[in-house]
Amino acid sequence: MQIKEQMKGDVAVIALKGKLMGGPETMAIHTKVKELIESGVNKVVIDLGKVSWMNSTGLGALMSSMTSLRNADGDLKLTHVTDKVKSLFMITKLITIFDTFDTEEEAIASFEK
């Protein structure tokens, strides 16, 4: 799992690459989000376009990241969700909890509403 972060205005964009299947790399996502919150960033977009698969541990890391951000008066948006990952969201009914967008730009713009 690779994690690449960049700031676009006051929004952190985290691009993930690989599989979200548990282990320390999956927990690194939530750790990264907590570091962002501590530095004053509470708007995060996670790009899942290069995530080939995710299991329940990966879903849990996304859920805990979203909860941390919402507790800090922020939010988490997802972009480039692949069909494989989207089907997992649909099966678990988490598609109704996460805000998903086709492009990074749409996800960033959604924070302005």
PDB file of N, CA and C in Angstrom:
ATOM      1  N   MET A   1       0.844  -1.180   0.000  1.00  0.00           N
ATOM      2  CA  MET A   1       0.000   0.000   0.000  1.00  0.00           C
ATOM      3  C   MET A   1       0.886   1.238   0.000  1.00  0.00           C
ATOM      4  N   GLN A   2       0.644   2.089  -0.969  1.00  0.00           N
ATOM      5  CA  GLN A   2       1.356   3.359  -1.027  1.00  0.00           C
ATOM      6  C   GLN A   2       0.380   4.487  -0.711  1.00  0.00           C
ATOM      7  N   ILE A   3       0.859   5.476   0.038  1.00  0.00           N
ATOM      8  CA  ILE A   3       0.051   6.632   0.400  1.00  0.00           C
ATOM      9  C   ILE A   3       0.781   7.880  -0.071  1.00  0.00           C
ATOM     10  N   LYS A   4       0.096   8.681  -0.893  1.00  0.00           N
ATOM     11  CA  LYS A   4       0.679   9.925  -1.379  1.00  0.00           C
ATOM     12  C   LYS A   4      -0.274  11.058  -1.010  1.00  0.00           C
ATOM     13  N   GLU A   5       0.258  12.079  -0.356  1.00  0.00           N
ATOM     14  CA  GLU A   5      -0.584  13.183   0.118  1.00  0.00           C
ATOM     15  C   GLU A   5      -0.157  14.486  -0.536  1.00  0.00           C
ATOM     16  N   GLN A   6      -1.162  15.300  -0.866  1.00  0.00           N
ATOM     17  CA  GLN A   6      -0.866  16.663  -1.326  1.00  0.00           C
ATOM     18  C   GLN A   6      -2.002  17.575  -0.896  1.00  0.00           C
ATOM     19  N   MET A   7      -1.674  18.838  -0.693  1.00  0.00           N
ATOM     20  CA  MET A   7      -2.675  19.825  -0.287  1.00  0.00           C
ATOM     21  C   MET A   7      -3.175  20.561  -1.519  1.00  0.00           C
ATOM     22  N   LYS A   8      -4.473  20.728  -1.597  1.00  0.00           N
ATOM     23  CA  LYS A   8      -5.119  21.540  -2.642  1.00  0.00           C
ATOM     24  C   LYS A   8      -5.961  22.554  -1.905  1.00  0.00           C
ATOM     25  N   GLY A   9      -5.383  23.730  -1.680  1.00  0.00           N
ATOM     26  CA  GLY A   9      -6.043  24.727  -0.842  1.00  0.00           C
ATOM     27  C   GLY A   9      -6.046  24.233   0.586  1.00  0.00           C
ATOM     28  N   ASP A  10      -7.239  24.185   1.182  1.00  0.00           N
ATOM     29  CA  ASP A  10      -7.339  23.697   2.566  1.00  0.00           C
ATOM     30  C   ASP A  10      -7.812  22.245   2.632  1.00  0.00           C
ATOM     31  N   VAL A  11      -7.748  21.542   1.497  1.00  0.00           N
ATOM     32  CA  VAL A  11      -8.174  20.136   1.419  1.00  0.00           C
ATOM     33  C   VAL A  11      -6.954  19.251   1.180  1.00  0.00           C
ATOM     34  N   ALA A  12      -6.820  18.208   2.011  1.00  0.00           N
ATOM     35  CA  ALA A  12      -5.753  17.224   1.803  1.00  0.00           C
ATOM     36  C   ALA A  12      -6.286  16.134   0.886  1.00  0.00           C
ATOM     37  N   VAL A  13      -5.519  15.824  -0.164  1.00  0.00           N
ATOM     38  CA  VAL A  13      -5.882  14.740  -1.071  1.00  0.00           C
ATOM     39  C   VAL A  13      -4.893  13.600  -0.832  1.00  0.00           C
ATOM     40  N   ILE A  14      -5.425  12.454  -0.451  1.00  0.00           N
ATOM     41  CA  ILE A  14      -4.601  11.279  -0.180  1.00  0.00           C
ATOM     42  C   ILE A  14      -4.888  10.249  -1.271  1.00  0.00           C
ATOM     43  N   ALA A  15      -3.872   9.930  -2.052  1.00  0.00           N
ATOM     44  CA  ALA A  15      -4.006   8.923  -3.106  1.00  0.00           C
ATOM     45  C   ALA A  15      -3.441   7.608  -2.583  1.00  0.00           C
ATOM     46  N   LEU A  16      -4.237   6.562  -2.674  1.00  0.00           N
ATOM     47  CA  LEU A  16      -3.826   5.242  -2.217  1.00  0.00           C
ATOM     48  C   LEU A  16      -3.573   4.343  -3.417  1.00  0.00           C
ATOM     49  N   LYS A  17      -2.607   3.440  -3.278  1.00  0.00           N
ATOM     50  CA  LYS A  17      -2.297   2.508  -4.348  1.00  0.00           C
ATOM     51  C   LYS A  17      -2.008   1.146  -3.744  1.00  0.00           C
ATOM     52  N   GLY A  18      -2.663   0.109  -4.277  1.00  0.00           N
ATOM     53  CA  GLY A  18      -2.439  -1.248  -3.786  1.00  0.00           C
ATOM     54  C   GLY A  18      -3.714  -1.853  -3.244  1.00  0.00           C
ATOM     55  N   LYS A  19      -3.568  -2.704  -2.243  1.00  0.00           N
ATOM     56  CA  LYS A  19      -4.704  -3.377  -1.627  1.00  0.00           C
ATOM     57  C   LYS A  19      -4.862  -2.907  -0.193  1.00  0.00           C
ATOM     58  N   LEU A  20      -6.107  -2.691   0.214  1.00  0.00           N
ATOM     59  CA  LEU A  20      -6.414  -2.351   1.601  1.00  0.00           C
ATOM     60  C   LEU A  20      -6.905  -3.623   2.279  1.00  0.00           C
ATOM     61  N   MET A  21      -5.969  -4.435   2.734  1.00  0.00           N
ATOM     62  CA  MET A  21      -6.309  -5.754   3.249  1.00  0.00           C
ATOM     63  C   MET A  21      -5.889  -5.946   4.710  1.00  0.00           C
ATOM     64  N   GLY A  22      -5.698  -4.890   5.430  1.00  0.00           N
ATOM     65  CA  GLY A  22      -5.296  -5.025   6.828  1.00  0.00           C
ATOM     66  C   GLY A  22      -3.803  -4.851   6.990  1.00  0.00           C
ATOM     67  N   GLY A  23      -3.356  -5.005   8.212  1.00  0.00           N
ATOM     68  CA  GLY A  23      -1.935  -4.834   8.485  1.00  0.00           C
ATOM     69  C   GLY A  23      -1.586  -3.387   8.738  1.00  0.00           C
ATOM     70  N   PRO A  24      -0.307  -3.132   8.982  1.00  0.00           N
ATOM     71  CA  PRO A  24       0.132  -1.785   9.352  1.00  0.00           C
ATOM     72  C   PRO A  24      -0.126  -0.741   8.266  1.00  0.00           C
ATOM     73  N   GLU A  25      -0.062  -1.147   6.996  1.00  0.00           N
ATOM     74  CA  GLU A  25      -0.258  -0.155   5.935  1.00  0.00           C
ATOM     75  C   GLU A  25      -1.696   0.365   5.919  1.00  0.00           C
ATOM     76  N   THR A  26      -2.656  -0.486   6.268  1.00  0.00           N
ATOM     77  CA  THR A  26      -4.047  -0.033   6.311  1.00  0.00           C
ATOM     78  C   THR A  26      -4.242   0.934   7.472  1.00  0.00           C
ATOM     79  N   MET A  27      -3.667   0.643   8.609  1.00  0.00           N
ATOM     80  CA  MET A  27      -3.773   1.535   9.760  1.00  0.00           C
ATOM     81  C   MET A  27      -3.041   2.854   9.504  1.00  0.00           C
ATOM     82  N   ALA A  28      -2.088   2.843   8.582  1.00  0.00           N
ATOM     83  CA  ALA A  28      -1.351   4.064   8.246  1.00  0.00           C
ATOM     84  C   ALA A  28      -2.281   5.131   7.680  1.00  0.00           C
ATOM     85  N   ILE A  29      -3.373   4.721   7.061  1.00  0.00           N
ATOM     86  CA  ILE A  29      -4.341   5.691   6.526  1.00  0.00           C
ATOM     87  C   ILE A  29      -4.937   6.496   7.666  1.00  0.00           C
ATOM     88  N   HIS A  30      -5.430   5.807   8.688  1.00  0.00           N
ATOM     89  CA  HIS A  30      -6.034   6.508   9.825  1.00  0.00           C
ATOM     90  C   HIS A  30      -4.990   7.335  10.570  1.00  0.00           C
ATOM     91  N   THR A  31      -3.788   6.818  10.676  1.00  0.00           N
ATOM     92  CA  THR A  31      -2.707   7.580  11.311  1.00  0.00           C
ATOM     93  C   THR A  31      -2.444   8.868  10.540  1.00  0.00           C
ATOM     94  N   LYS A  32      -2.405   8.790   9.211  1.00  0.00           N
ATOM     95  CA  LYS A  32      -2.185   9.973   8.362  1.00  0.00           C
ATOM     96  C   LYS A  32      -3.302  10.987   8.575  1.00  0.00           C
ATOM     97  N   VAL A  33      -4.541  10.519   8.639  1.00  0.00           N
ATOM     98  CA  VAL A  33      -5.684  11.417   8.849  1.00  0.00           C
ATOM     99  C   VAL A  33      -5.583  12.089  10.221  1.00  0.00           C
ATOM    100  N   LYS A  34      -5.202  11.325  11.247  1.00  0.00           N
ATOM    101  CA  LYS A  34      -5.053  11.915  12.584  1.00  0.00           C
ATOM    102  C   LYS A  34      -3.956  12.981  12.596  1.00  0.00           C
ATOM    103  N   GLU A  35      -2.864  12.737  11.865  1.00  0.00           N
ATOM    104  CA  GLU A  35      -1.785  13.734  11.773  1.00  0.00           C
ATOM    105  C   GLU A  35      -2.294  15.007  11.099  1.00  0.00           C
ATOM    106  N   LEU A  36      -3.099  14.849  10.061  1.00  0.00           N
ATOM    107  CA  LEU A  36      -3.671  16.007   9.366  1.00  0.00           C
ATOM    108  C   LEU A  36      -4.566  16.817  10.299  1.00  0.00           C
ATOM    109  N   ILE A  37      -5.398  16.122  11.068  1.00  0.00           N
ATOM    110  CA  ILE A  37      -6.293  16.803  12.013  1.00  0.00           C
ATOM    111  C   ILE A  37      -5.475  17.584  13.035  1.00  0.00           C
ATOM    112  N   GLU A  38      -4.412  16.954  13.553  1.00  0.00           N
ATOM    113  CA  GLU A  38      -3.554  17.625  14.536  1.00  0.00           C
ATOM    114  C   GLU A  38      -2.890  18.868  13.958  1.00  0.00           C
ATOM    115  N   SER A  39      -2.652  18.864  12.647  1.00  0.00           N
ATOM    116  CA  SER A  39      -2.025  20.038  12.017  1.00  0.00           C
ATOM    117  C   SER A  39      -3.073  21.046  11.524  1.00  0.00           C
ATOM    118  N   GLY A  40      -4.351  20.799  11.860  1.00  0.00           N
ATOM    119  CA  GLY A  40      -5.395  21.764  11.537  1.00  0.00           C
ATOM    120  C   GLY A  40      -6.161  21.494  10.250  1.00  0.00           C
ATOM    121  N   VAL A  41      -5.906  20.390   9.594  1.00  0.00           N
ATOM    122  CA  VAL A  41      -6.607  20.044   8.356  1.00  0.00           C
ATOM    123  C   VAL A  41      -7.754  19.092   8.689  1.00  0.00           C
ATOM    124  N   ASN A  42      -8.992  19.481   8.326  1.00  0.00           N
ATOM    125  CA  ASN A  42     -10.121  18.600   8.630  1.00  0.00           C
ATOM    126  C   ASN A  42     -10.974  18.283   7.398  1.00  0.00           C
ATOM    127  N   LYS A  43     -10.464  18.606   6.219  1.00  0.00           N
ATOM    128  CA  LYS A  43     -11.137  18.253   4.962  1.00  0.00           C
ATOM    129  C   LYS A  43     -10.196  17.344   4.178  1.00  0.00           C
ATOM    130  N   VAL A  44     -10.659  16.110   3.948  1.00  0.00           N
ATOM    131  CA  VAL A  44      -9.789  15.123   3.305  1.00  0.00           C
ATOM    132  C   VAL A  44     -10.548  14.418   2.179  1.00  0.00           C
ATOM    133  N   VAL A  45      -9.864  14.281   1.042  1.00  0.00           N
ATOM    134  CA  VAL A  45     -10.355  13.481  -0.070  1.00  0.00           C
ATOM    135  C   VAL A  45      -9.418  12.288  -0.204  1.00  0.00           C
ATOM    136  N   ILE A  46      -9.979  11.084  -0.246  1.00  0.00           N
ATOM    137  CA  ILE A  46      -9.159   9.894  -0.472  1.00  0.00           C
ATOM    138  C   ILE A  46      -9.461   9.372  -1.870  1.00  0.00           C
ATOM    139  N   ASP A  47      -8.418   9.287  -2.675  1.00  0.00           N
ATOM    140  CA  ASP A  47      -8.513   8.796  -4.054  1.00  0.00           C
ATOM    141  C   ASP A  47      -8.273   7.283  -4.040  1.00  0.00           C
ATOM    142  N   LEU A  48      -9.318   6.534  -4.408  1.00  0.00           N
ATOM    143  CA  LEU A  48      -9.237   5.079  -4.391  1.00  0.00           C
ATOM    144  C   LEU A  48      -9.042   4.490  -5.790  1.00  0.00           C
ATOM    145  N   GLY A  49      -8.702   5.319  -6.751  1.00  0.00           N
ATOM    146  CA  GLY A  49      -8.589   4.885  -8.139  1.00  0.00           C
ATOM    147  C   GLY A  49      -7.573   3.786  -8.379  1.00  0.00           C
ATOM    148  N   LYS A  50      -6.543   3.696  -7.551  1.00  0.00           N
ATOM    149  CA  LYS A  50      -5.506   2.679  -7.732  1.00  0.00           C
ATOM    150  C   LYS A  50      -5.532   1.620  -6.628  1.00  0.00           C
ATOM    151  N   VAL A  51      -6.678   1.530  -5.942  1.00  0.00           N
ATOM    152  CA  VAL A  51      -6.860   0.475  -4.940  1.00  0.00           C
ATOM    153  C   VAL A  51      -7.521  -0.699  -5.646  1.00  0.00           C
ATOM    154  N   SER A  52      -6.802  -1.808  -5.733  1.00  0.00           N
ATOM    155  CA  SER A  52      -7.304  -2.954  -6.481  1.00  0.00           C
ATOM    156  C   SER A  52      -8.315  -3.774  -5.694  1.00  0.00           C
ATOM    157  N   TRP A  53      -8.198  -3.817  -4.376  1.00  0.00           N
ATOM    158  CA  TRP A  53      -9.162  -4.544  -3.560  1.00  0.00           C
ATOM    159  C   TRP A  53      -9.103  -4.061  -2.130  1.00  0.00           C
ATOM    160  N   MET A  54     -10.196  -4.290  -1.413  1.00  0.00           N
ATOM    161  CA  MET A  54     -10.308  -3.852  -0.031  1.00  0.00           C
ATOM    162  C   MET A  54     -11.118  -4.898   0.725  1.00  0.00           C
ATOM    163  N   ASN A  55     -10.734  -5.165   1.971  1.00  0.00           N
ATOM    164  CA  ASN A  55     -11.540  -6.056   2.800  1.00  0.00           C
ATOM    165  C   ASN A  55     -12.152  -5.258   3.949  1.00  0.00           C
ATOM    166  N   SER A  56     -12.715  -5.951   4.927  1.00  0.00           N
ATOM    167  CA  SER A  56     -13.392  -5.265   6.024  1.00  0.00           C
ATOM    168  C   SER A  56     -12.433  -4.408   6.849  1.00  0.00           C
ATOM    169  N   THR A  57     -11.188  -4.808   6.933  1.00  0.00           N
ATOM    170  CA  THR A  57     -10.204  -4.000   7.669  1.00  0.00           C
ATOM    171  C   THR A  57      -9.981  -2.664   6.956  1.00  0.00           C
ATOM    172  N   GLY A  58      -9.892  -2.707   5.639  1.00  0.00           N
ATOM    173  CA  GLY A  58      -9.761  -1.474   4.861  1.00  0.00           C
ATOM    174  C   GLY A  58     -10.975  -0.578   5.021  1.00  0.00           C
ATOM    175  N   LEU A  59     -12.168  -1.179   4.988  1.00  0.00           N
ATOM    176  CA  LEU A  59     -13.398  -0.410   5.218  1.00  0.00           C
ATOM    177  C   LEU A  59     -13.387   0.222   6.604  1.00  0.00           C
ATOM    178  N   GLY A  60     -12.922  -0.545   7.586  1.00  0.00           N
ATOM    179  CA  GLY A  60     -12.848  -0.027   8.957  1.00  0.00           C
ATOM    180  C   GLY A  60     -11.912   1.164   9.065  1.00  0.00           C
ATOM    181  N   ALA A  61     -10.789   1.122   8.337  1.00  0.00           N
ATOM    182  CA  ALA A  61      -9.838   2.251   8.357  1.00  0.00           C
ATOM    183  C   ALA A  61     -10.484   3.495   7.758  1.00  0.00           C
ATOM    184  N   LEU A  62     -11.261   3.324   6.690  1.00  0.00           N
ATOM    185  CA  LEU A  62     -11.956   4.468   6.086  1.00  0.00           C
ATOM    186  C   LEU A  62     -13.038   5.010   7.031  1.00  0.00           C
ATOM    187  N   MET A  63     -13.772   4.094   7.670  1.00  0.00           N
ATOM    188  CA  MET A  63     -14.818   4.514   8.613  1.00  0.00           C
ATOM    189  C   MET A  63     -14.221   5.273   9.798  1.00  0.00           C
ATOM    190  N   SER A  64     -13.140   4.750  10.363  1.00  0.00           N
ATOM    191  CA  SER A  64     -12.540   5.421  11.520  1.00  0.00           C
ATOM    192  C   SER A  64     -11.939   6.764  11.115  1.00  0.00           C
ATOM    193  N   SER A  65     -11.413   6.854   9.906  1.00  0.00           N
ATOM    194  CA  SER A  65     -10.885   8.133   9.414  1.00  0.00           C
ATOM    195  C   SER A  65     -12.015   9.149   9.272  1.00  0.00           C
ATOM    196  N   MET A  66     -13.146   8.715   8.707  1.00  0.00           N
ATOM    197  CA  MET A  66     -14.284   9.614   8.549  1.00  0.00           C
ATOM    198  C   MET A  66     -14.813  10.069   9.911  1.00  0.00           C
ATOM    199  N   THR A  67     -14.896   9.151  10.856  1.00  0.00           N
ATOM    200  CA  THR A  67     -15.379   9.495  12.197  1.00  0.00           C
ATOM    201  C   THR A  67     -14.458  10.520  12.856  1.00  0.00           C
ATOM    202  N   SER A  68     -13.152  10.319  12.756  1.00  0.00           N
ATOM    203  CA  SER A  68     -12.192  11.268  13.341  1.00  0.00           C
ATOM    204  C   SER A  68     -12.356  12.650  12.723  1.00  0.00           C
ATOM    205  N   LEU A  69     -12.511  12.690  11.400  1.00  0.00           N
ATOM    206  CA  LEU A  69     -12.667  13.978  10.719  1.00  0.00           C
ATOM    207  C   LEU A  69     -13.970  14.665  11.105  1.00  0.00           C
ATOM    208  N   ARG A  70     -15.041  13.915  11.183  1.00  0.00           N
ATOM    209  CA  ARG A  70     -16.333  14.520  11.559  1.00  0.00           C
ATOM    210  C   ARG A  70     -16.302  15.010  13.001  1.00  0.00           C
ATOM    211  N   ASN A  71     -15.595  14.306  13.877  1.00  0.00           N
ATOM    212  CA  ASN A  71     -15.446  14.759  15.254  1.00  0.00           C
ATOM    213  C   ASN A  71     -14.631  16.048  15.334  1.00  0.00           C
ATOM    214  N   ALA A  72     -13.819  16.307  14.299  1.00  0.00           N
ATOM    215  CA  ALA A  72     -13.013  17.534  14.233  1.00  0.00           C
ATOM    216  C   ALA A  72     -13.707  18.583  13.354  1.00  0.00           C
ATOM    217  N   ASP A  73     -15.038  18.455  13.210  1.00  0.00           N
ATOM    218  CA  ASP A  73     -15.850  19.368  12.389  1.00  0.00           C
ATOM    219  C   ASP A  73     -15.421  19.391  10.933  1.00  0.00           C
ATOM    220  N   GLY A  74     -14.937  18.268  10.438  1.00  0.00           N
ATOM    221  CA  GLY A  74     -14.546  18.154   9.038  1.00  0.00           C
ATOM    222  C   GLY A  74     -15.303  17.026   8.376  1.00  0.00           C
ATOM    223  N   ASP A  75     -14.754  16.523   7.276  1.00  0.00           N
ATOM    224  CA  ASP A  75     -15.400  15.411   6.587  1.00  0.00           C
ATOM    225  C   ASP A  75     -14.407  14.711   5.676  1.00  0.00           C
ATOM    226  N   LEU A  76     -14.828  13.543   5.215  1.00  0.00           N
ATOM    227  CA  LEU A  76     -14.046  12.718   4.304  1.00  0.00           C
ATOM    228  C   LEU A  76     -14.876  12.475   3.059  1.00  0.00           C
ATOM    229  N   LYS A  77     -14.268  12.657   1.902  1.00  0.00           N
ATOM    230  CA  LYS A  77     -14.909  12.370   0.619  1.00  0.00           C
ATOM    231  C   LYS A  77     -14.028  11.359  -0.112  1.00  0.00           C
ATOM    232  N   LEU A  78     -14.659  10.523  -0.923  1.00  0.00           N
ATOM    233  CA  LEU A  78     -13.932   9.526  -1.703  1.00  0.00           C
ATOM    234  C   LEU A  78     -14.081   9.830  -3.185  1.00  0.00           C
ATOM    235  N   THR A  79     -13.023   9.554  -3.932  1.00  0.00           N
ATOM    236  CA  THR A  79     -13.075   9.762  -5.368  1.00  0.00           C
ATOM    237  C   THR A  79     -12.450   8.580  -6.091  1.00  0.00           C
ATOM    238  N   HIS A  80     -12.792   8.472  -7.385  1.00  0.00           N
ATOM    239  CA  HIS A  80     -12.269   7.408  -8.250  1.00  0.00           C
ATOM    240  C   HIS A  80     -12.466   6.014  -7.638  1.00  0.00           C
ATOM    241  N   VAL A  81     -13.645   5.764  -7.075  1.00  0.00           N
ATOM    242  CA  VAL A  81     -13.925   4.461  -6.475  1.00  0.00           C
ATOM    243  C   VAL A  81     -14.104   3.442  -7.601  1.00  0.00           C
ATOM    244  N   THR A  82     -13.275   2.417  -7.607  1.00  0.00           N
ATOM    245  CA  THR A  82     -13.338   1.410  -8.674  1.00  0.00           C
ATOM    246  C   THR A  82     -14.612   0.564  -8.533  1.00  0.00           C
ATOM    247  N   ASP A  83     -14.997  -0.102  -9.608  1.00  0.00           N
ATOM    248  CA  ASP A  83     -16.200  -0.926  -9.588  1.00  0.00           C
ATOM    249  C   ASP A  83     -16.113  -2.023  -8.531  1.00  0.00           C
ATOM    250  N   LYS A  84     -14.931  -2.631  -8.400  1.00  0.00           N
ATOM    251  CA  LYS A  84     -14.746  -3.690  -7.394  1.00  0.00           C
ATOM    252  C   LYS A  84     -15.000  -3.162  -5.986  1.00  0.00           C
ATOM    253  N   VAL A  85     -14.407  -2.008  -5.686  1.00  0.00           N
ATOM    254  CA  VAL A  85     -14.556  -1.423  -4.351  1.00  0.00           C
ATOM    255  C   VAL A  85     -15.987  -0.917  -4.161  1.00  0.00           C
ATOM    256  N   LYS A  86     -16.564  -0.333  -5.211  1.00  0.00           N
ATOM    257  CA  LYS A  86     -17.938   0.167  -5.126  1.00  0.00           C
ATOM    258  C   LYS A  86     -18.900  -0.984  -4.816  1.00  0.00           C
ATOM    259  N   SER A  87     -18.671  -2.154  -5.402  1.00  0.00           N
ATOM    260  CA  SER A  87     -19.552  -3.294  -5.129  1.00  0.00           C
ATOM    261  C   SER A  87     -19.463  -3.697  -3.652  1.00  0.00           C
ATOM    262  N   LEU A  88     -18.277  -3.594  -3.071  1.00  0.00           N
ATOM    263  CA  LEU A  88     -18.111  -3.873  -1.645  1.00  0.00           C
ATOM    264  C   LEU A  88     -18.896  -2.860  -0.810  1.00  0.00           C
ATOM    265  N   PHE A  89     -18.836  -1.583  -1.204  1.00  0.00           N
ATOM    266  CA  PHE A  89     -19.614  -0.547  -0.507  1.00  0.00           C
ATOM    267  C   PHE A  89     -21.107  -0.831  -0.600  1.00  0.00           C
ATOM    268  N   MET A  90     -21.558  -1.302  -1.764  1.00  0.00           N
ATOM    269  CA  MET A  90     -22.982  -1.589  -1.944  1.00  0.00           C
ATOM    270  C   MET A  90     -23.420  -2.784  -1.095  1.00  0.00           C
ATOM    271  N   ILE A  91     -22.620  -3.836  -1.076  1.00  0.00           N
ATOM    272  CA  ILE A  91     -22.943  -5.029  -0.297  1.00  0.00           C
ATOM    273  C   ILE A  91     -23.040  -4.695   1.192  1.00  0.00           C
ATOM    274  N   THR A  92     -22.136  -3.860   1.669  1.00  0.00           N
ATOM    275  CA  THR A  92     -22.101  -3.522   3.096  1.00  0.00           C
ATOM    276  C   THR A  92     -23.004  -2.345   3.439  1.00  0.00           C
ATOM    277  N   LYS A  93     -23.657  -1.769   2.423  1.00  0.00           N
ATOM    278  CA  LYS A  93     -24.546  -0.606   2.592  1.00  0.00           C
ATOM    279  C   LYS A  93     -23.785   0.663   2.989  1.00  0.00           C
ATOM    280  N   LEU A  94     -22.455   0.641   2.905  1.00  0.00           N
ATOM    281  CA  LEU A  94     -21.667   1.834   3.250  1.00  0.00           C
ATOM    282  C   LEU A  94     -21.701   2.877   2.141  1.00  0.00           C
ATOM    283  N   ILE A  95     -22.249   2.513   0.981  1.00  0.00           N
ATOM    284  CA  ILE A  95     -22.367   3.465  -0.124  1.00  0.00           C
ATOM    285  C   ILE A  95     -23.240   4.648   0.301  1.00  0.00           C
ATOM    286  N   THR A  96     -24.135   4.415   1.273  1.00  0.00           N
ATOM    287  CA  THR A  96     -25.022   5.486   1.740  1.00  0.00           C
ATOM    288  C   THR A  96     -24.332   6.392   2.769  1.00  0.00           C
ATOM    289  N   ILE A  97     -23.213   5.946   3.303  1.00  0.00           N
ATOM    290  CA  ILE A  97     -22.516   6.719   4.340  1.00  0.00           C
ATOM    291  C   ILE A  97     -21.417   7.598   3.749  1.00  0.00           C
ATOM    292  N   PHE A  98     -20.696   7.058   2.766  1.00  0.00           N
ATOM    293  CA  PHE A  98     -19.587   7.807   2.163  1.00  0.00           C
ATOM    294  C   PHE A  98     -20.077   8.676   1.011  1.00  0.00           C
ATOM    295  N   ASP A  99     -19.550   9.898   0.947  1.00  0.00           N
ATOM    296  CA  ASP A  99     -19.779  10.753  -0.219  1.00  0.00           C
ATOM    297  C   ASP A  99     -18.736  10.374  -1.257  1.00  0.00           C
ATOM    298  N   THR A 100     -19.187   9.889  -2.421  1.00  0.00           N
ATOM    299  CA  THR A 100     -18.258   9.483  -3.473  1.00  0.00           C
ATOM    300  C   THR A 100     -18.428  10.373  -4.693  1.00  0.00           C
ATOM    301  N   PHE A 101     -17.318  10.647  -5.359  1.00  0.00           N
ATOM    302  CA  PHE A 101     -17.305  11.528  -6.521  1.00  0.00           C
ATOM    303  C   PHE A 101     -16.460  10.913  -7.620  1.00  0.00           C
ATOM    304  N   ASP A 102     -16.808  11.249  -8.865  1.00  0.00           N
ATOM    305  CA  ASP A 102     -16.074  10.722 -10.015  1.00  0.00           C
ATOM    306  C   ASP A 102     -14.692  11.345 -10.144  1.00  0.00           C
ATOM    307  N   THR A 103     -14.583  12.636  -9.795  1.00  0.00           N
ATOM    308  CA  THR A 103     -13.298  13.321  -9.955  1.00  0.00           C
ATOM    309  C   THR A 103     -12.853  13.964  -8.638  1.00  0.00           C
ATOM    310  N   GLU A 104     -11.567  14.178  -8.558  1.00  0.00           N
ATOM    311  CA  GLU A 104     -10.980  14.858  -7.398  1.00  0.00           C
ATOM    312  C   GLU A 104     -11.537  16.273  -7.274  1.00  0.00           C
ATOM    313  N   GLU A 105     -11.694  16.951  -8.410  1.00  0.00           N
ATOM    314  CA  GLU A 105     -12.191  18.330  -8.423  1.00  0.00           C
ATOM    315  C   GLU A 105     -13.601  18.418  -7.839  1.00  0.00           C
ATOM    316  N   GLU A 106     -14.476  17.452  -8.217  1.00  0.00           N
ATOM    317  CA  GLU A 106     -15.849  17.444  -7.684  1.00  0.00           C
ATOM    318  C   GLU A 106     -15.837  17.219  -6.178  1.00  0.00           C
ATOM    319  N   ALA A 107     -14.976  16.316  -5.726  1.00  0.00           N
ATOM    320  CA  ALA A 107     -14.887  16.030  -4.295  1.00  0.00           C
ATOM    321  C   ALA A 107     -14.427  17.264  -3.528  1.00  0.00           C
ATOM    322  N   ILE A 108     -13.417  17.950  -4.031  1.00  0.00           N
ATOM    323  CA  ILE A 108     -12.914  19.160  -3.371  1.00  0.00           C
ATOM    324  C   ILE A 108     -13.991  20.238  -3.361  1.00  0.00           C
ATOM    325  N   ALA A 109     -14.669  20.429  -4.497  1.00  0.00           N
ATOM    326  CA  ALA A 109     -15.705  21.454  -4.605  1.00  0.00           C
ATOM    327  C   ALA A 109     -16.867  21.189  -3.647  1.00  0.00           C
ATOM    328  N   SER A 110     -17.116  19.927  -3.329  1.00  0.00           N
ATOM    329  CA  SER A 110     -18.251  19.587  -2.456  1.00  0.00           C
ATOM    330  C   SER A 110     -18.085  20.140  -1.036  1.00  0.00           C
ATOM    331  N   PHE A 111     -16.850  20.439  -0.636  1.00  0.00           N
ATOM    332  CA  PHE A 111     -16.620  21.009   0.689  1.00  0.00           C
ATOM    333  C   PHE A 111     -17.128  22.440   0.776  1.00  0.00           C
ATOM    334  N   GLU A 112     -17.295  23.104  -0.352  1.00  0.00           N
ATOM    335  CA  GLU A 112     -17.718  24.505  -0.366  1.00  0.00           C
ATOM    336  C   GLU A 112     -19.219  24.665  -0.169  1.00  0.00           C
ATOM    337  N   LYS A 113     -19.954  23.567  -0.263  1.00  0.00           N
ATOM    338  CA  LYS A 113     -21.424  23.647  -0.198  1.00  0.00           C
ATOM    339  C   LYS A 113     -21.918  23.716   1.221  1.00  0.00           C
TER     340      LYS A 113
END
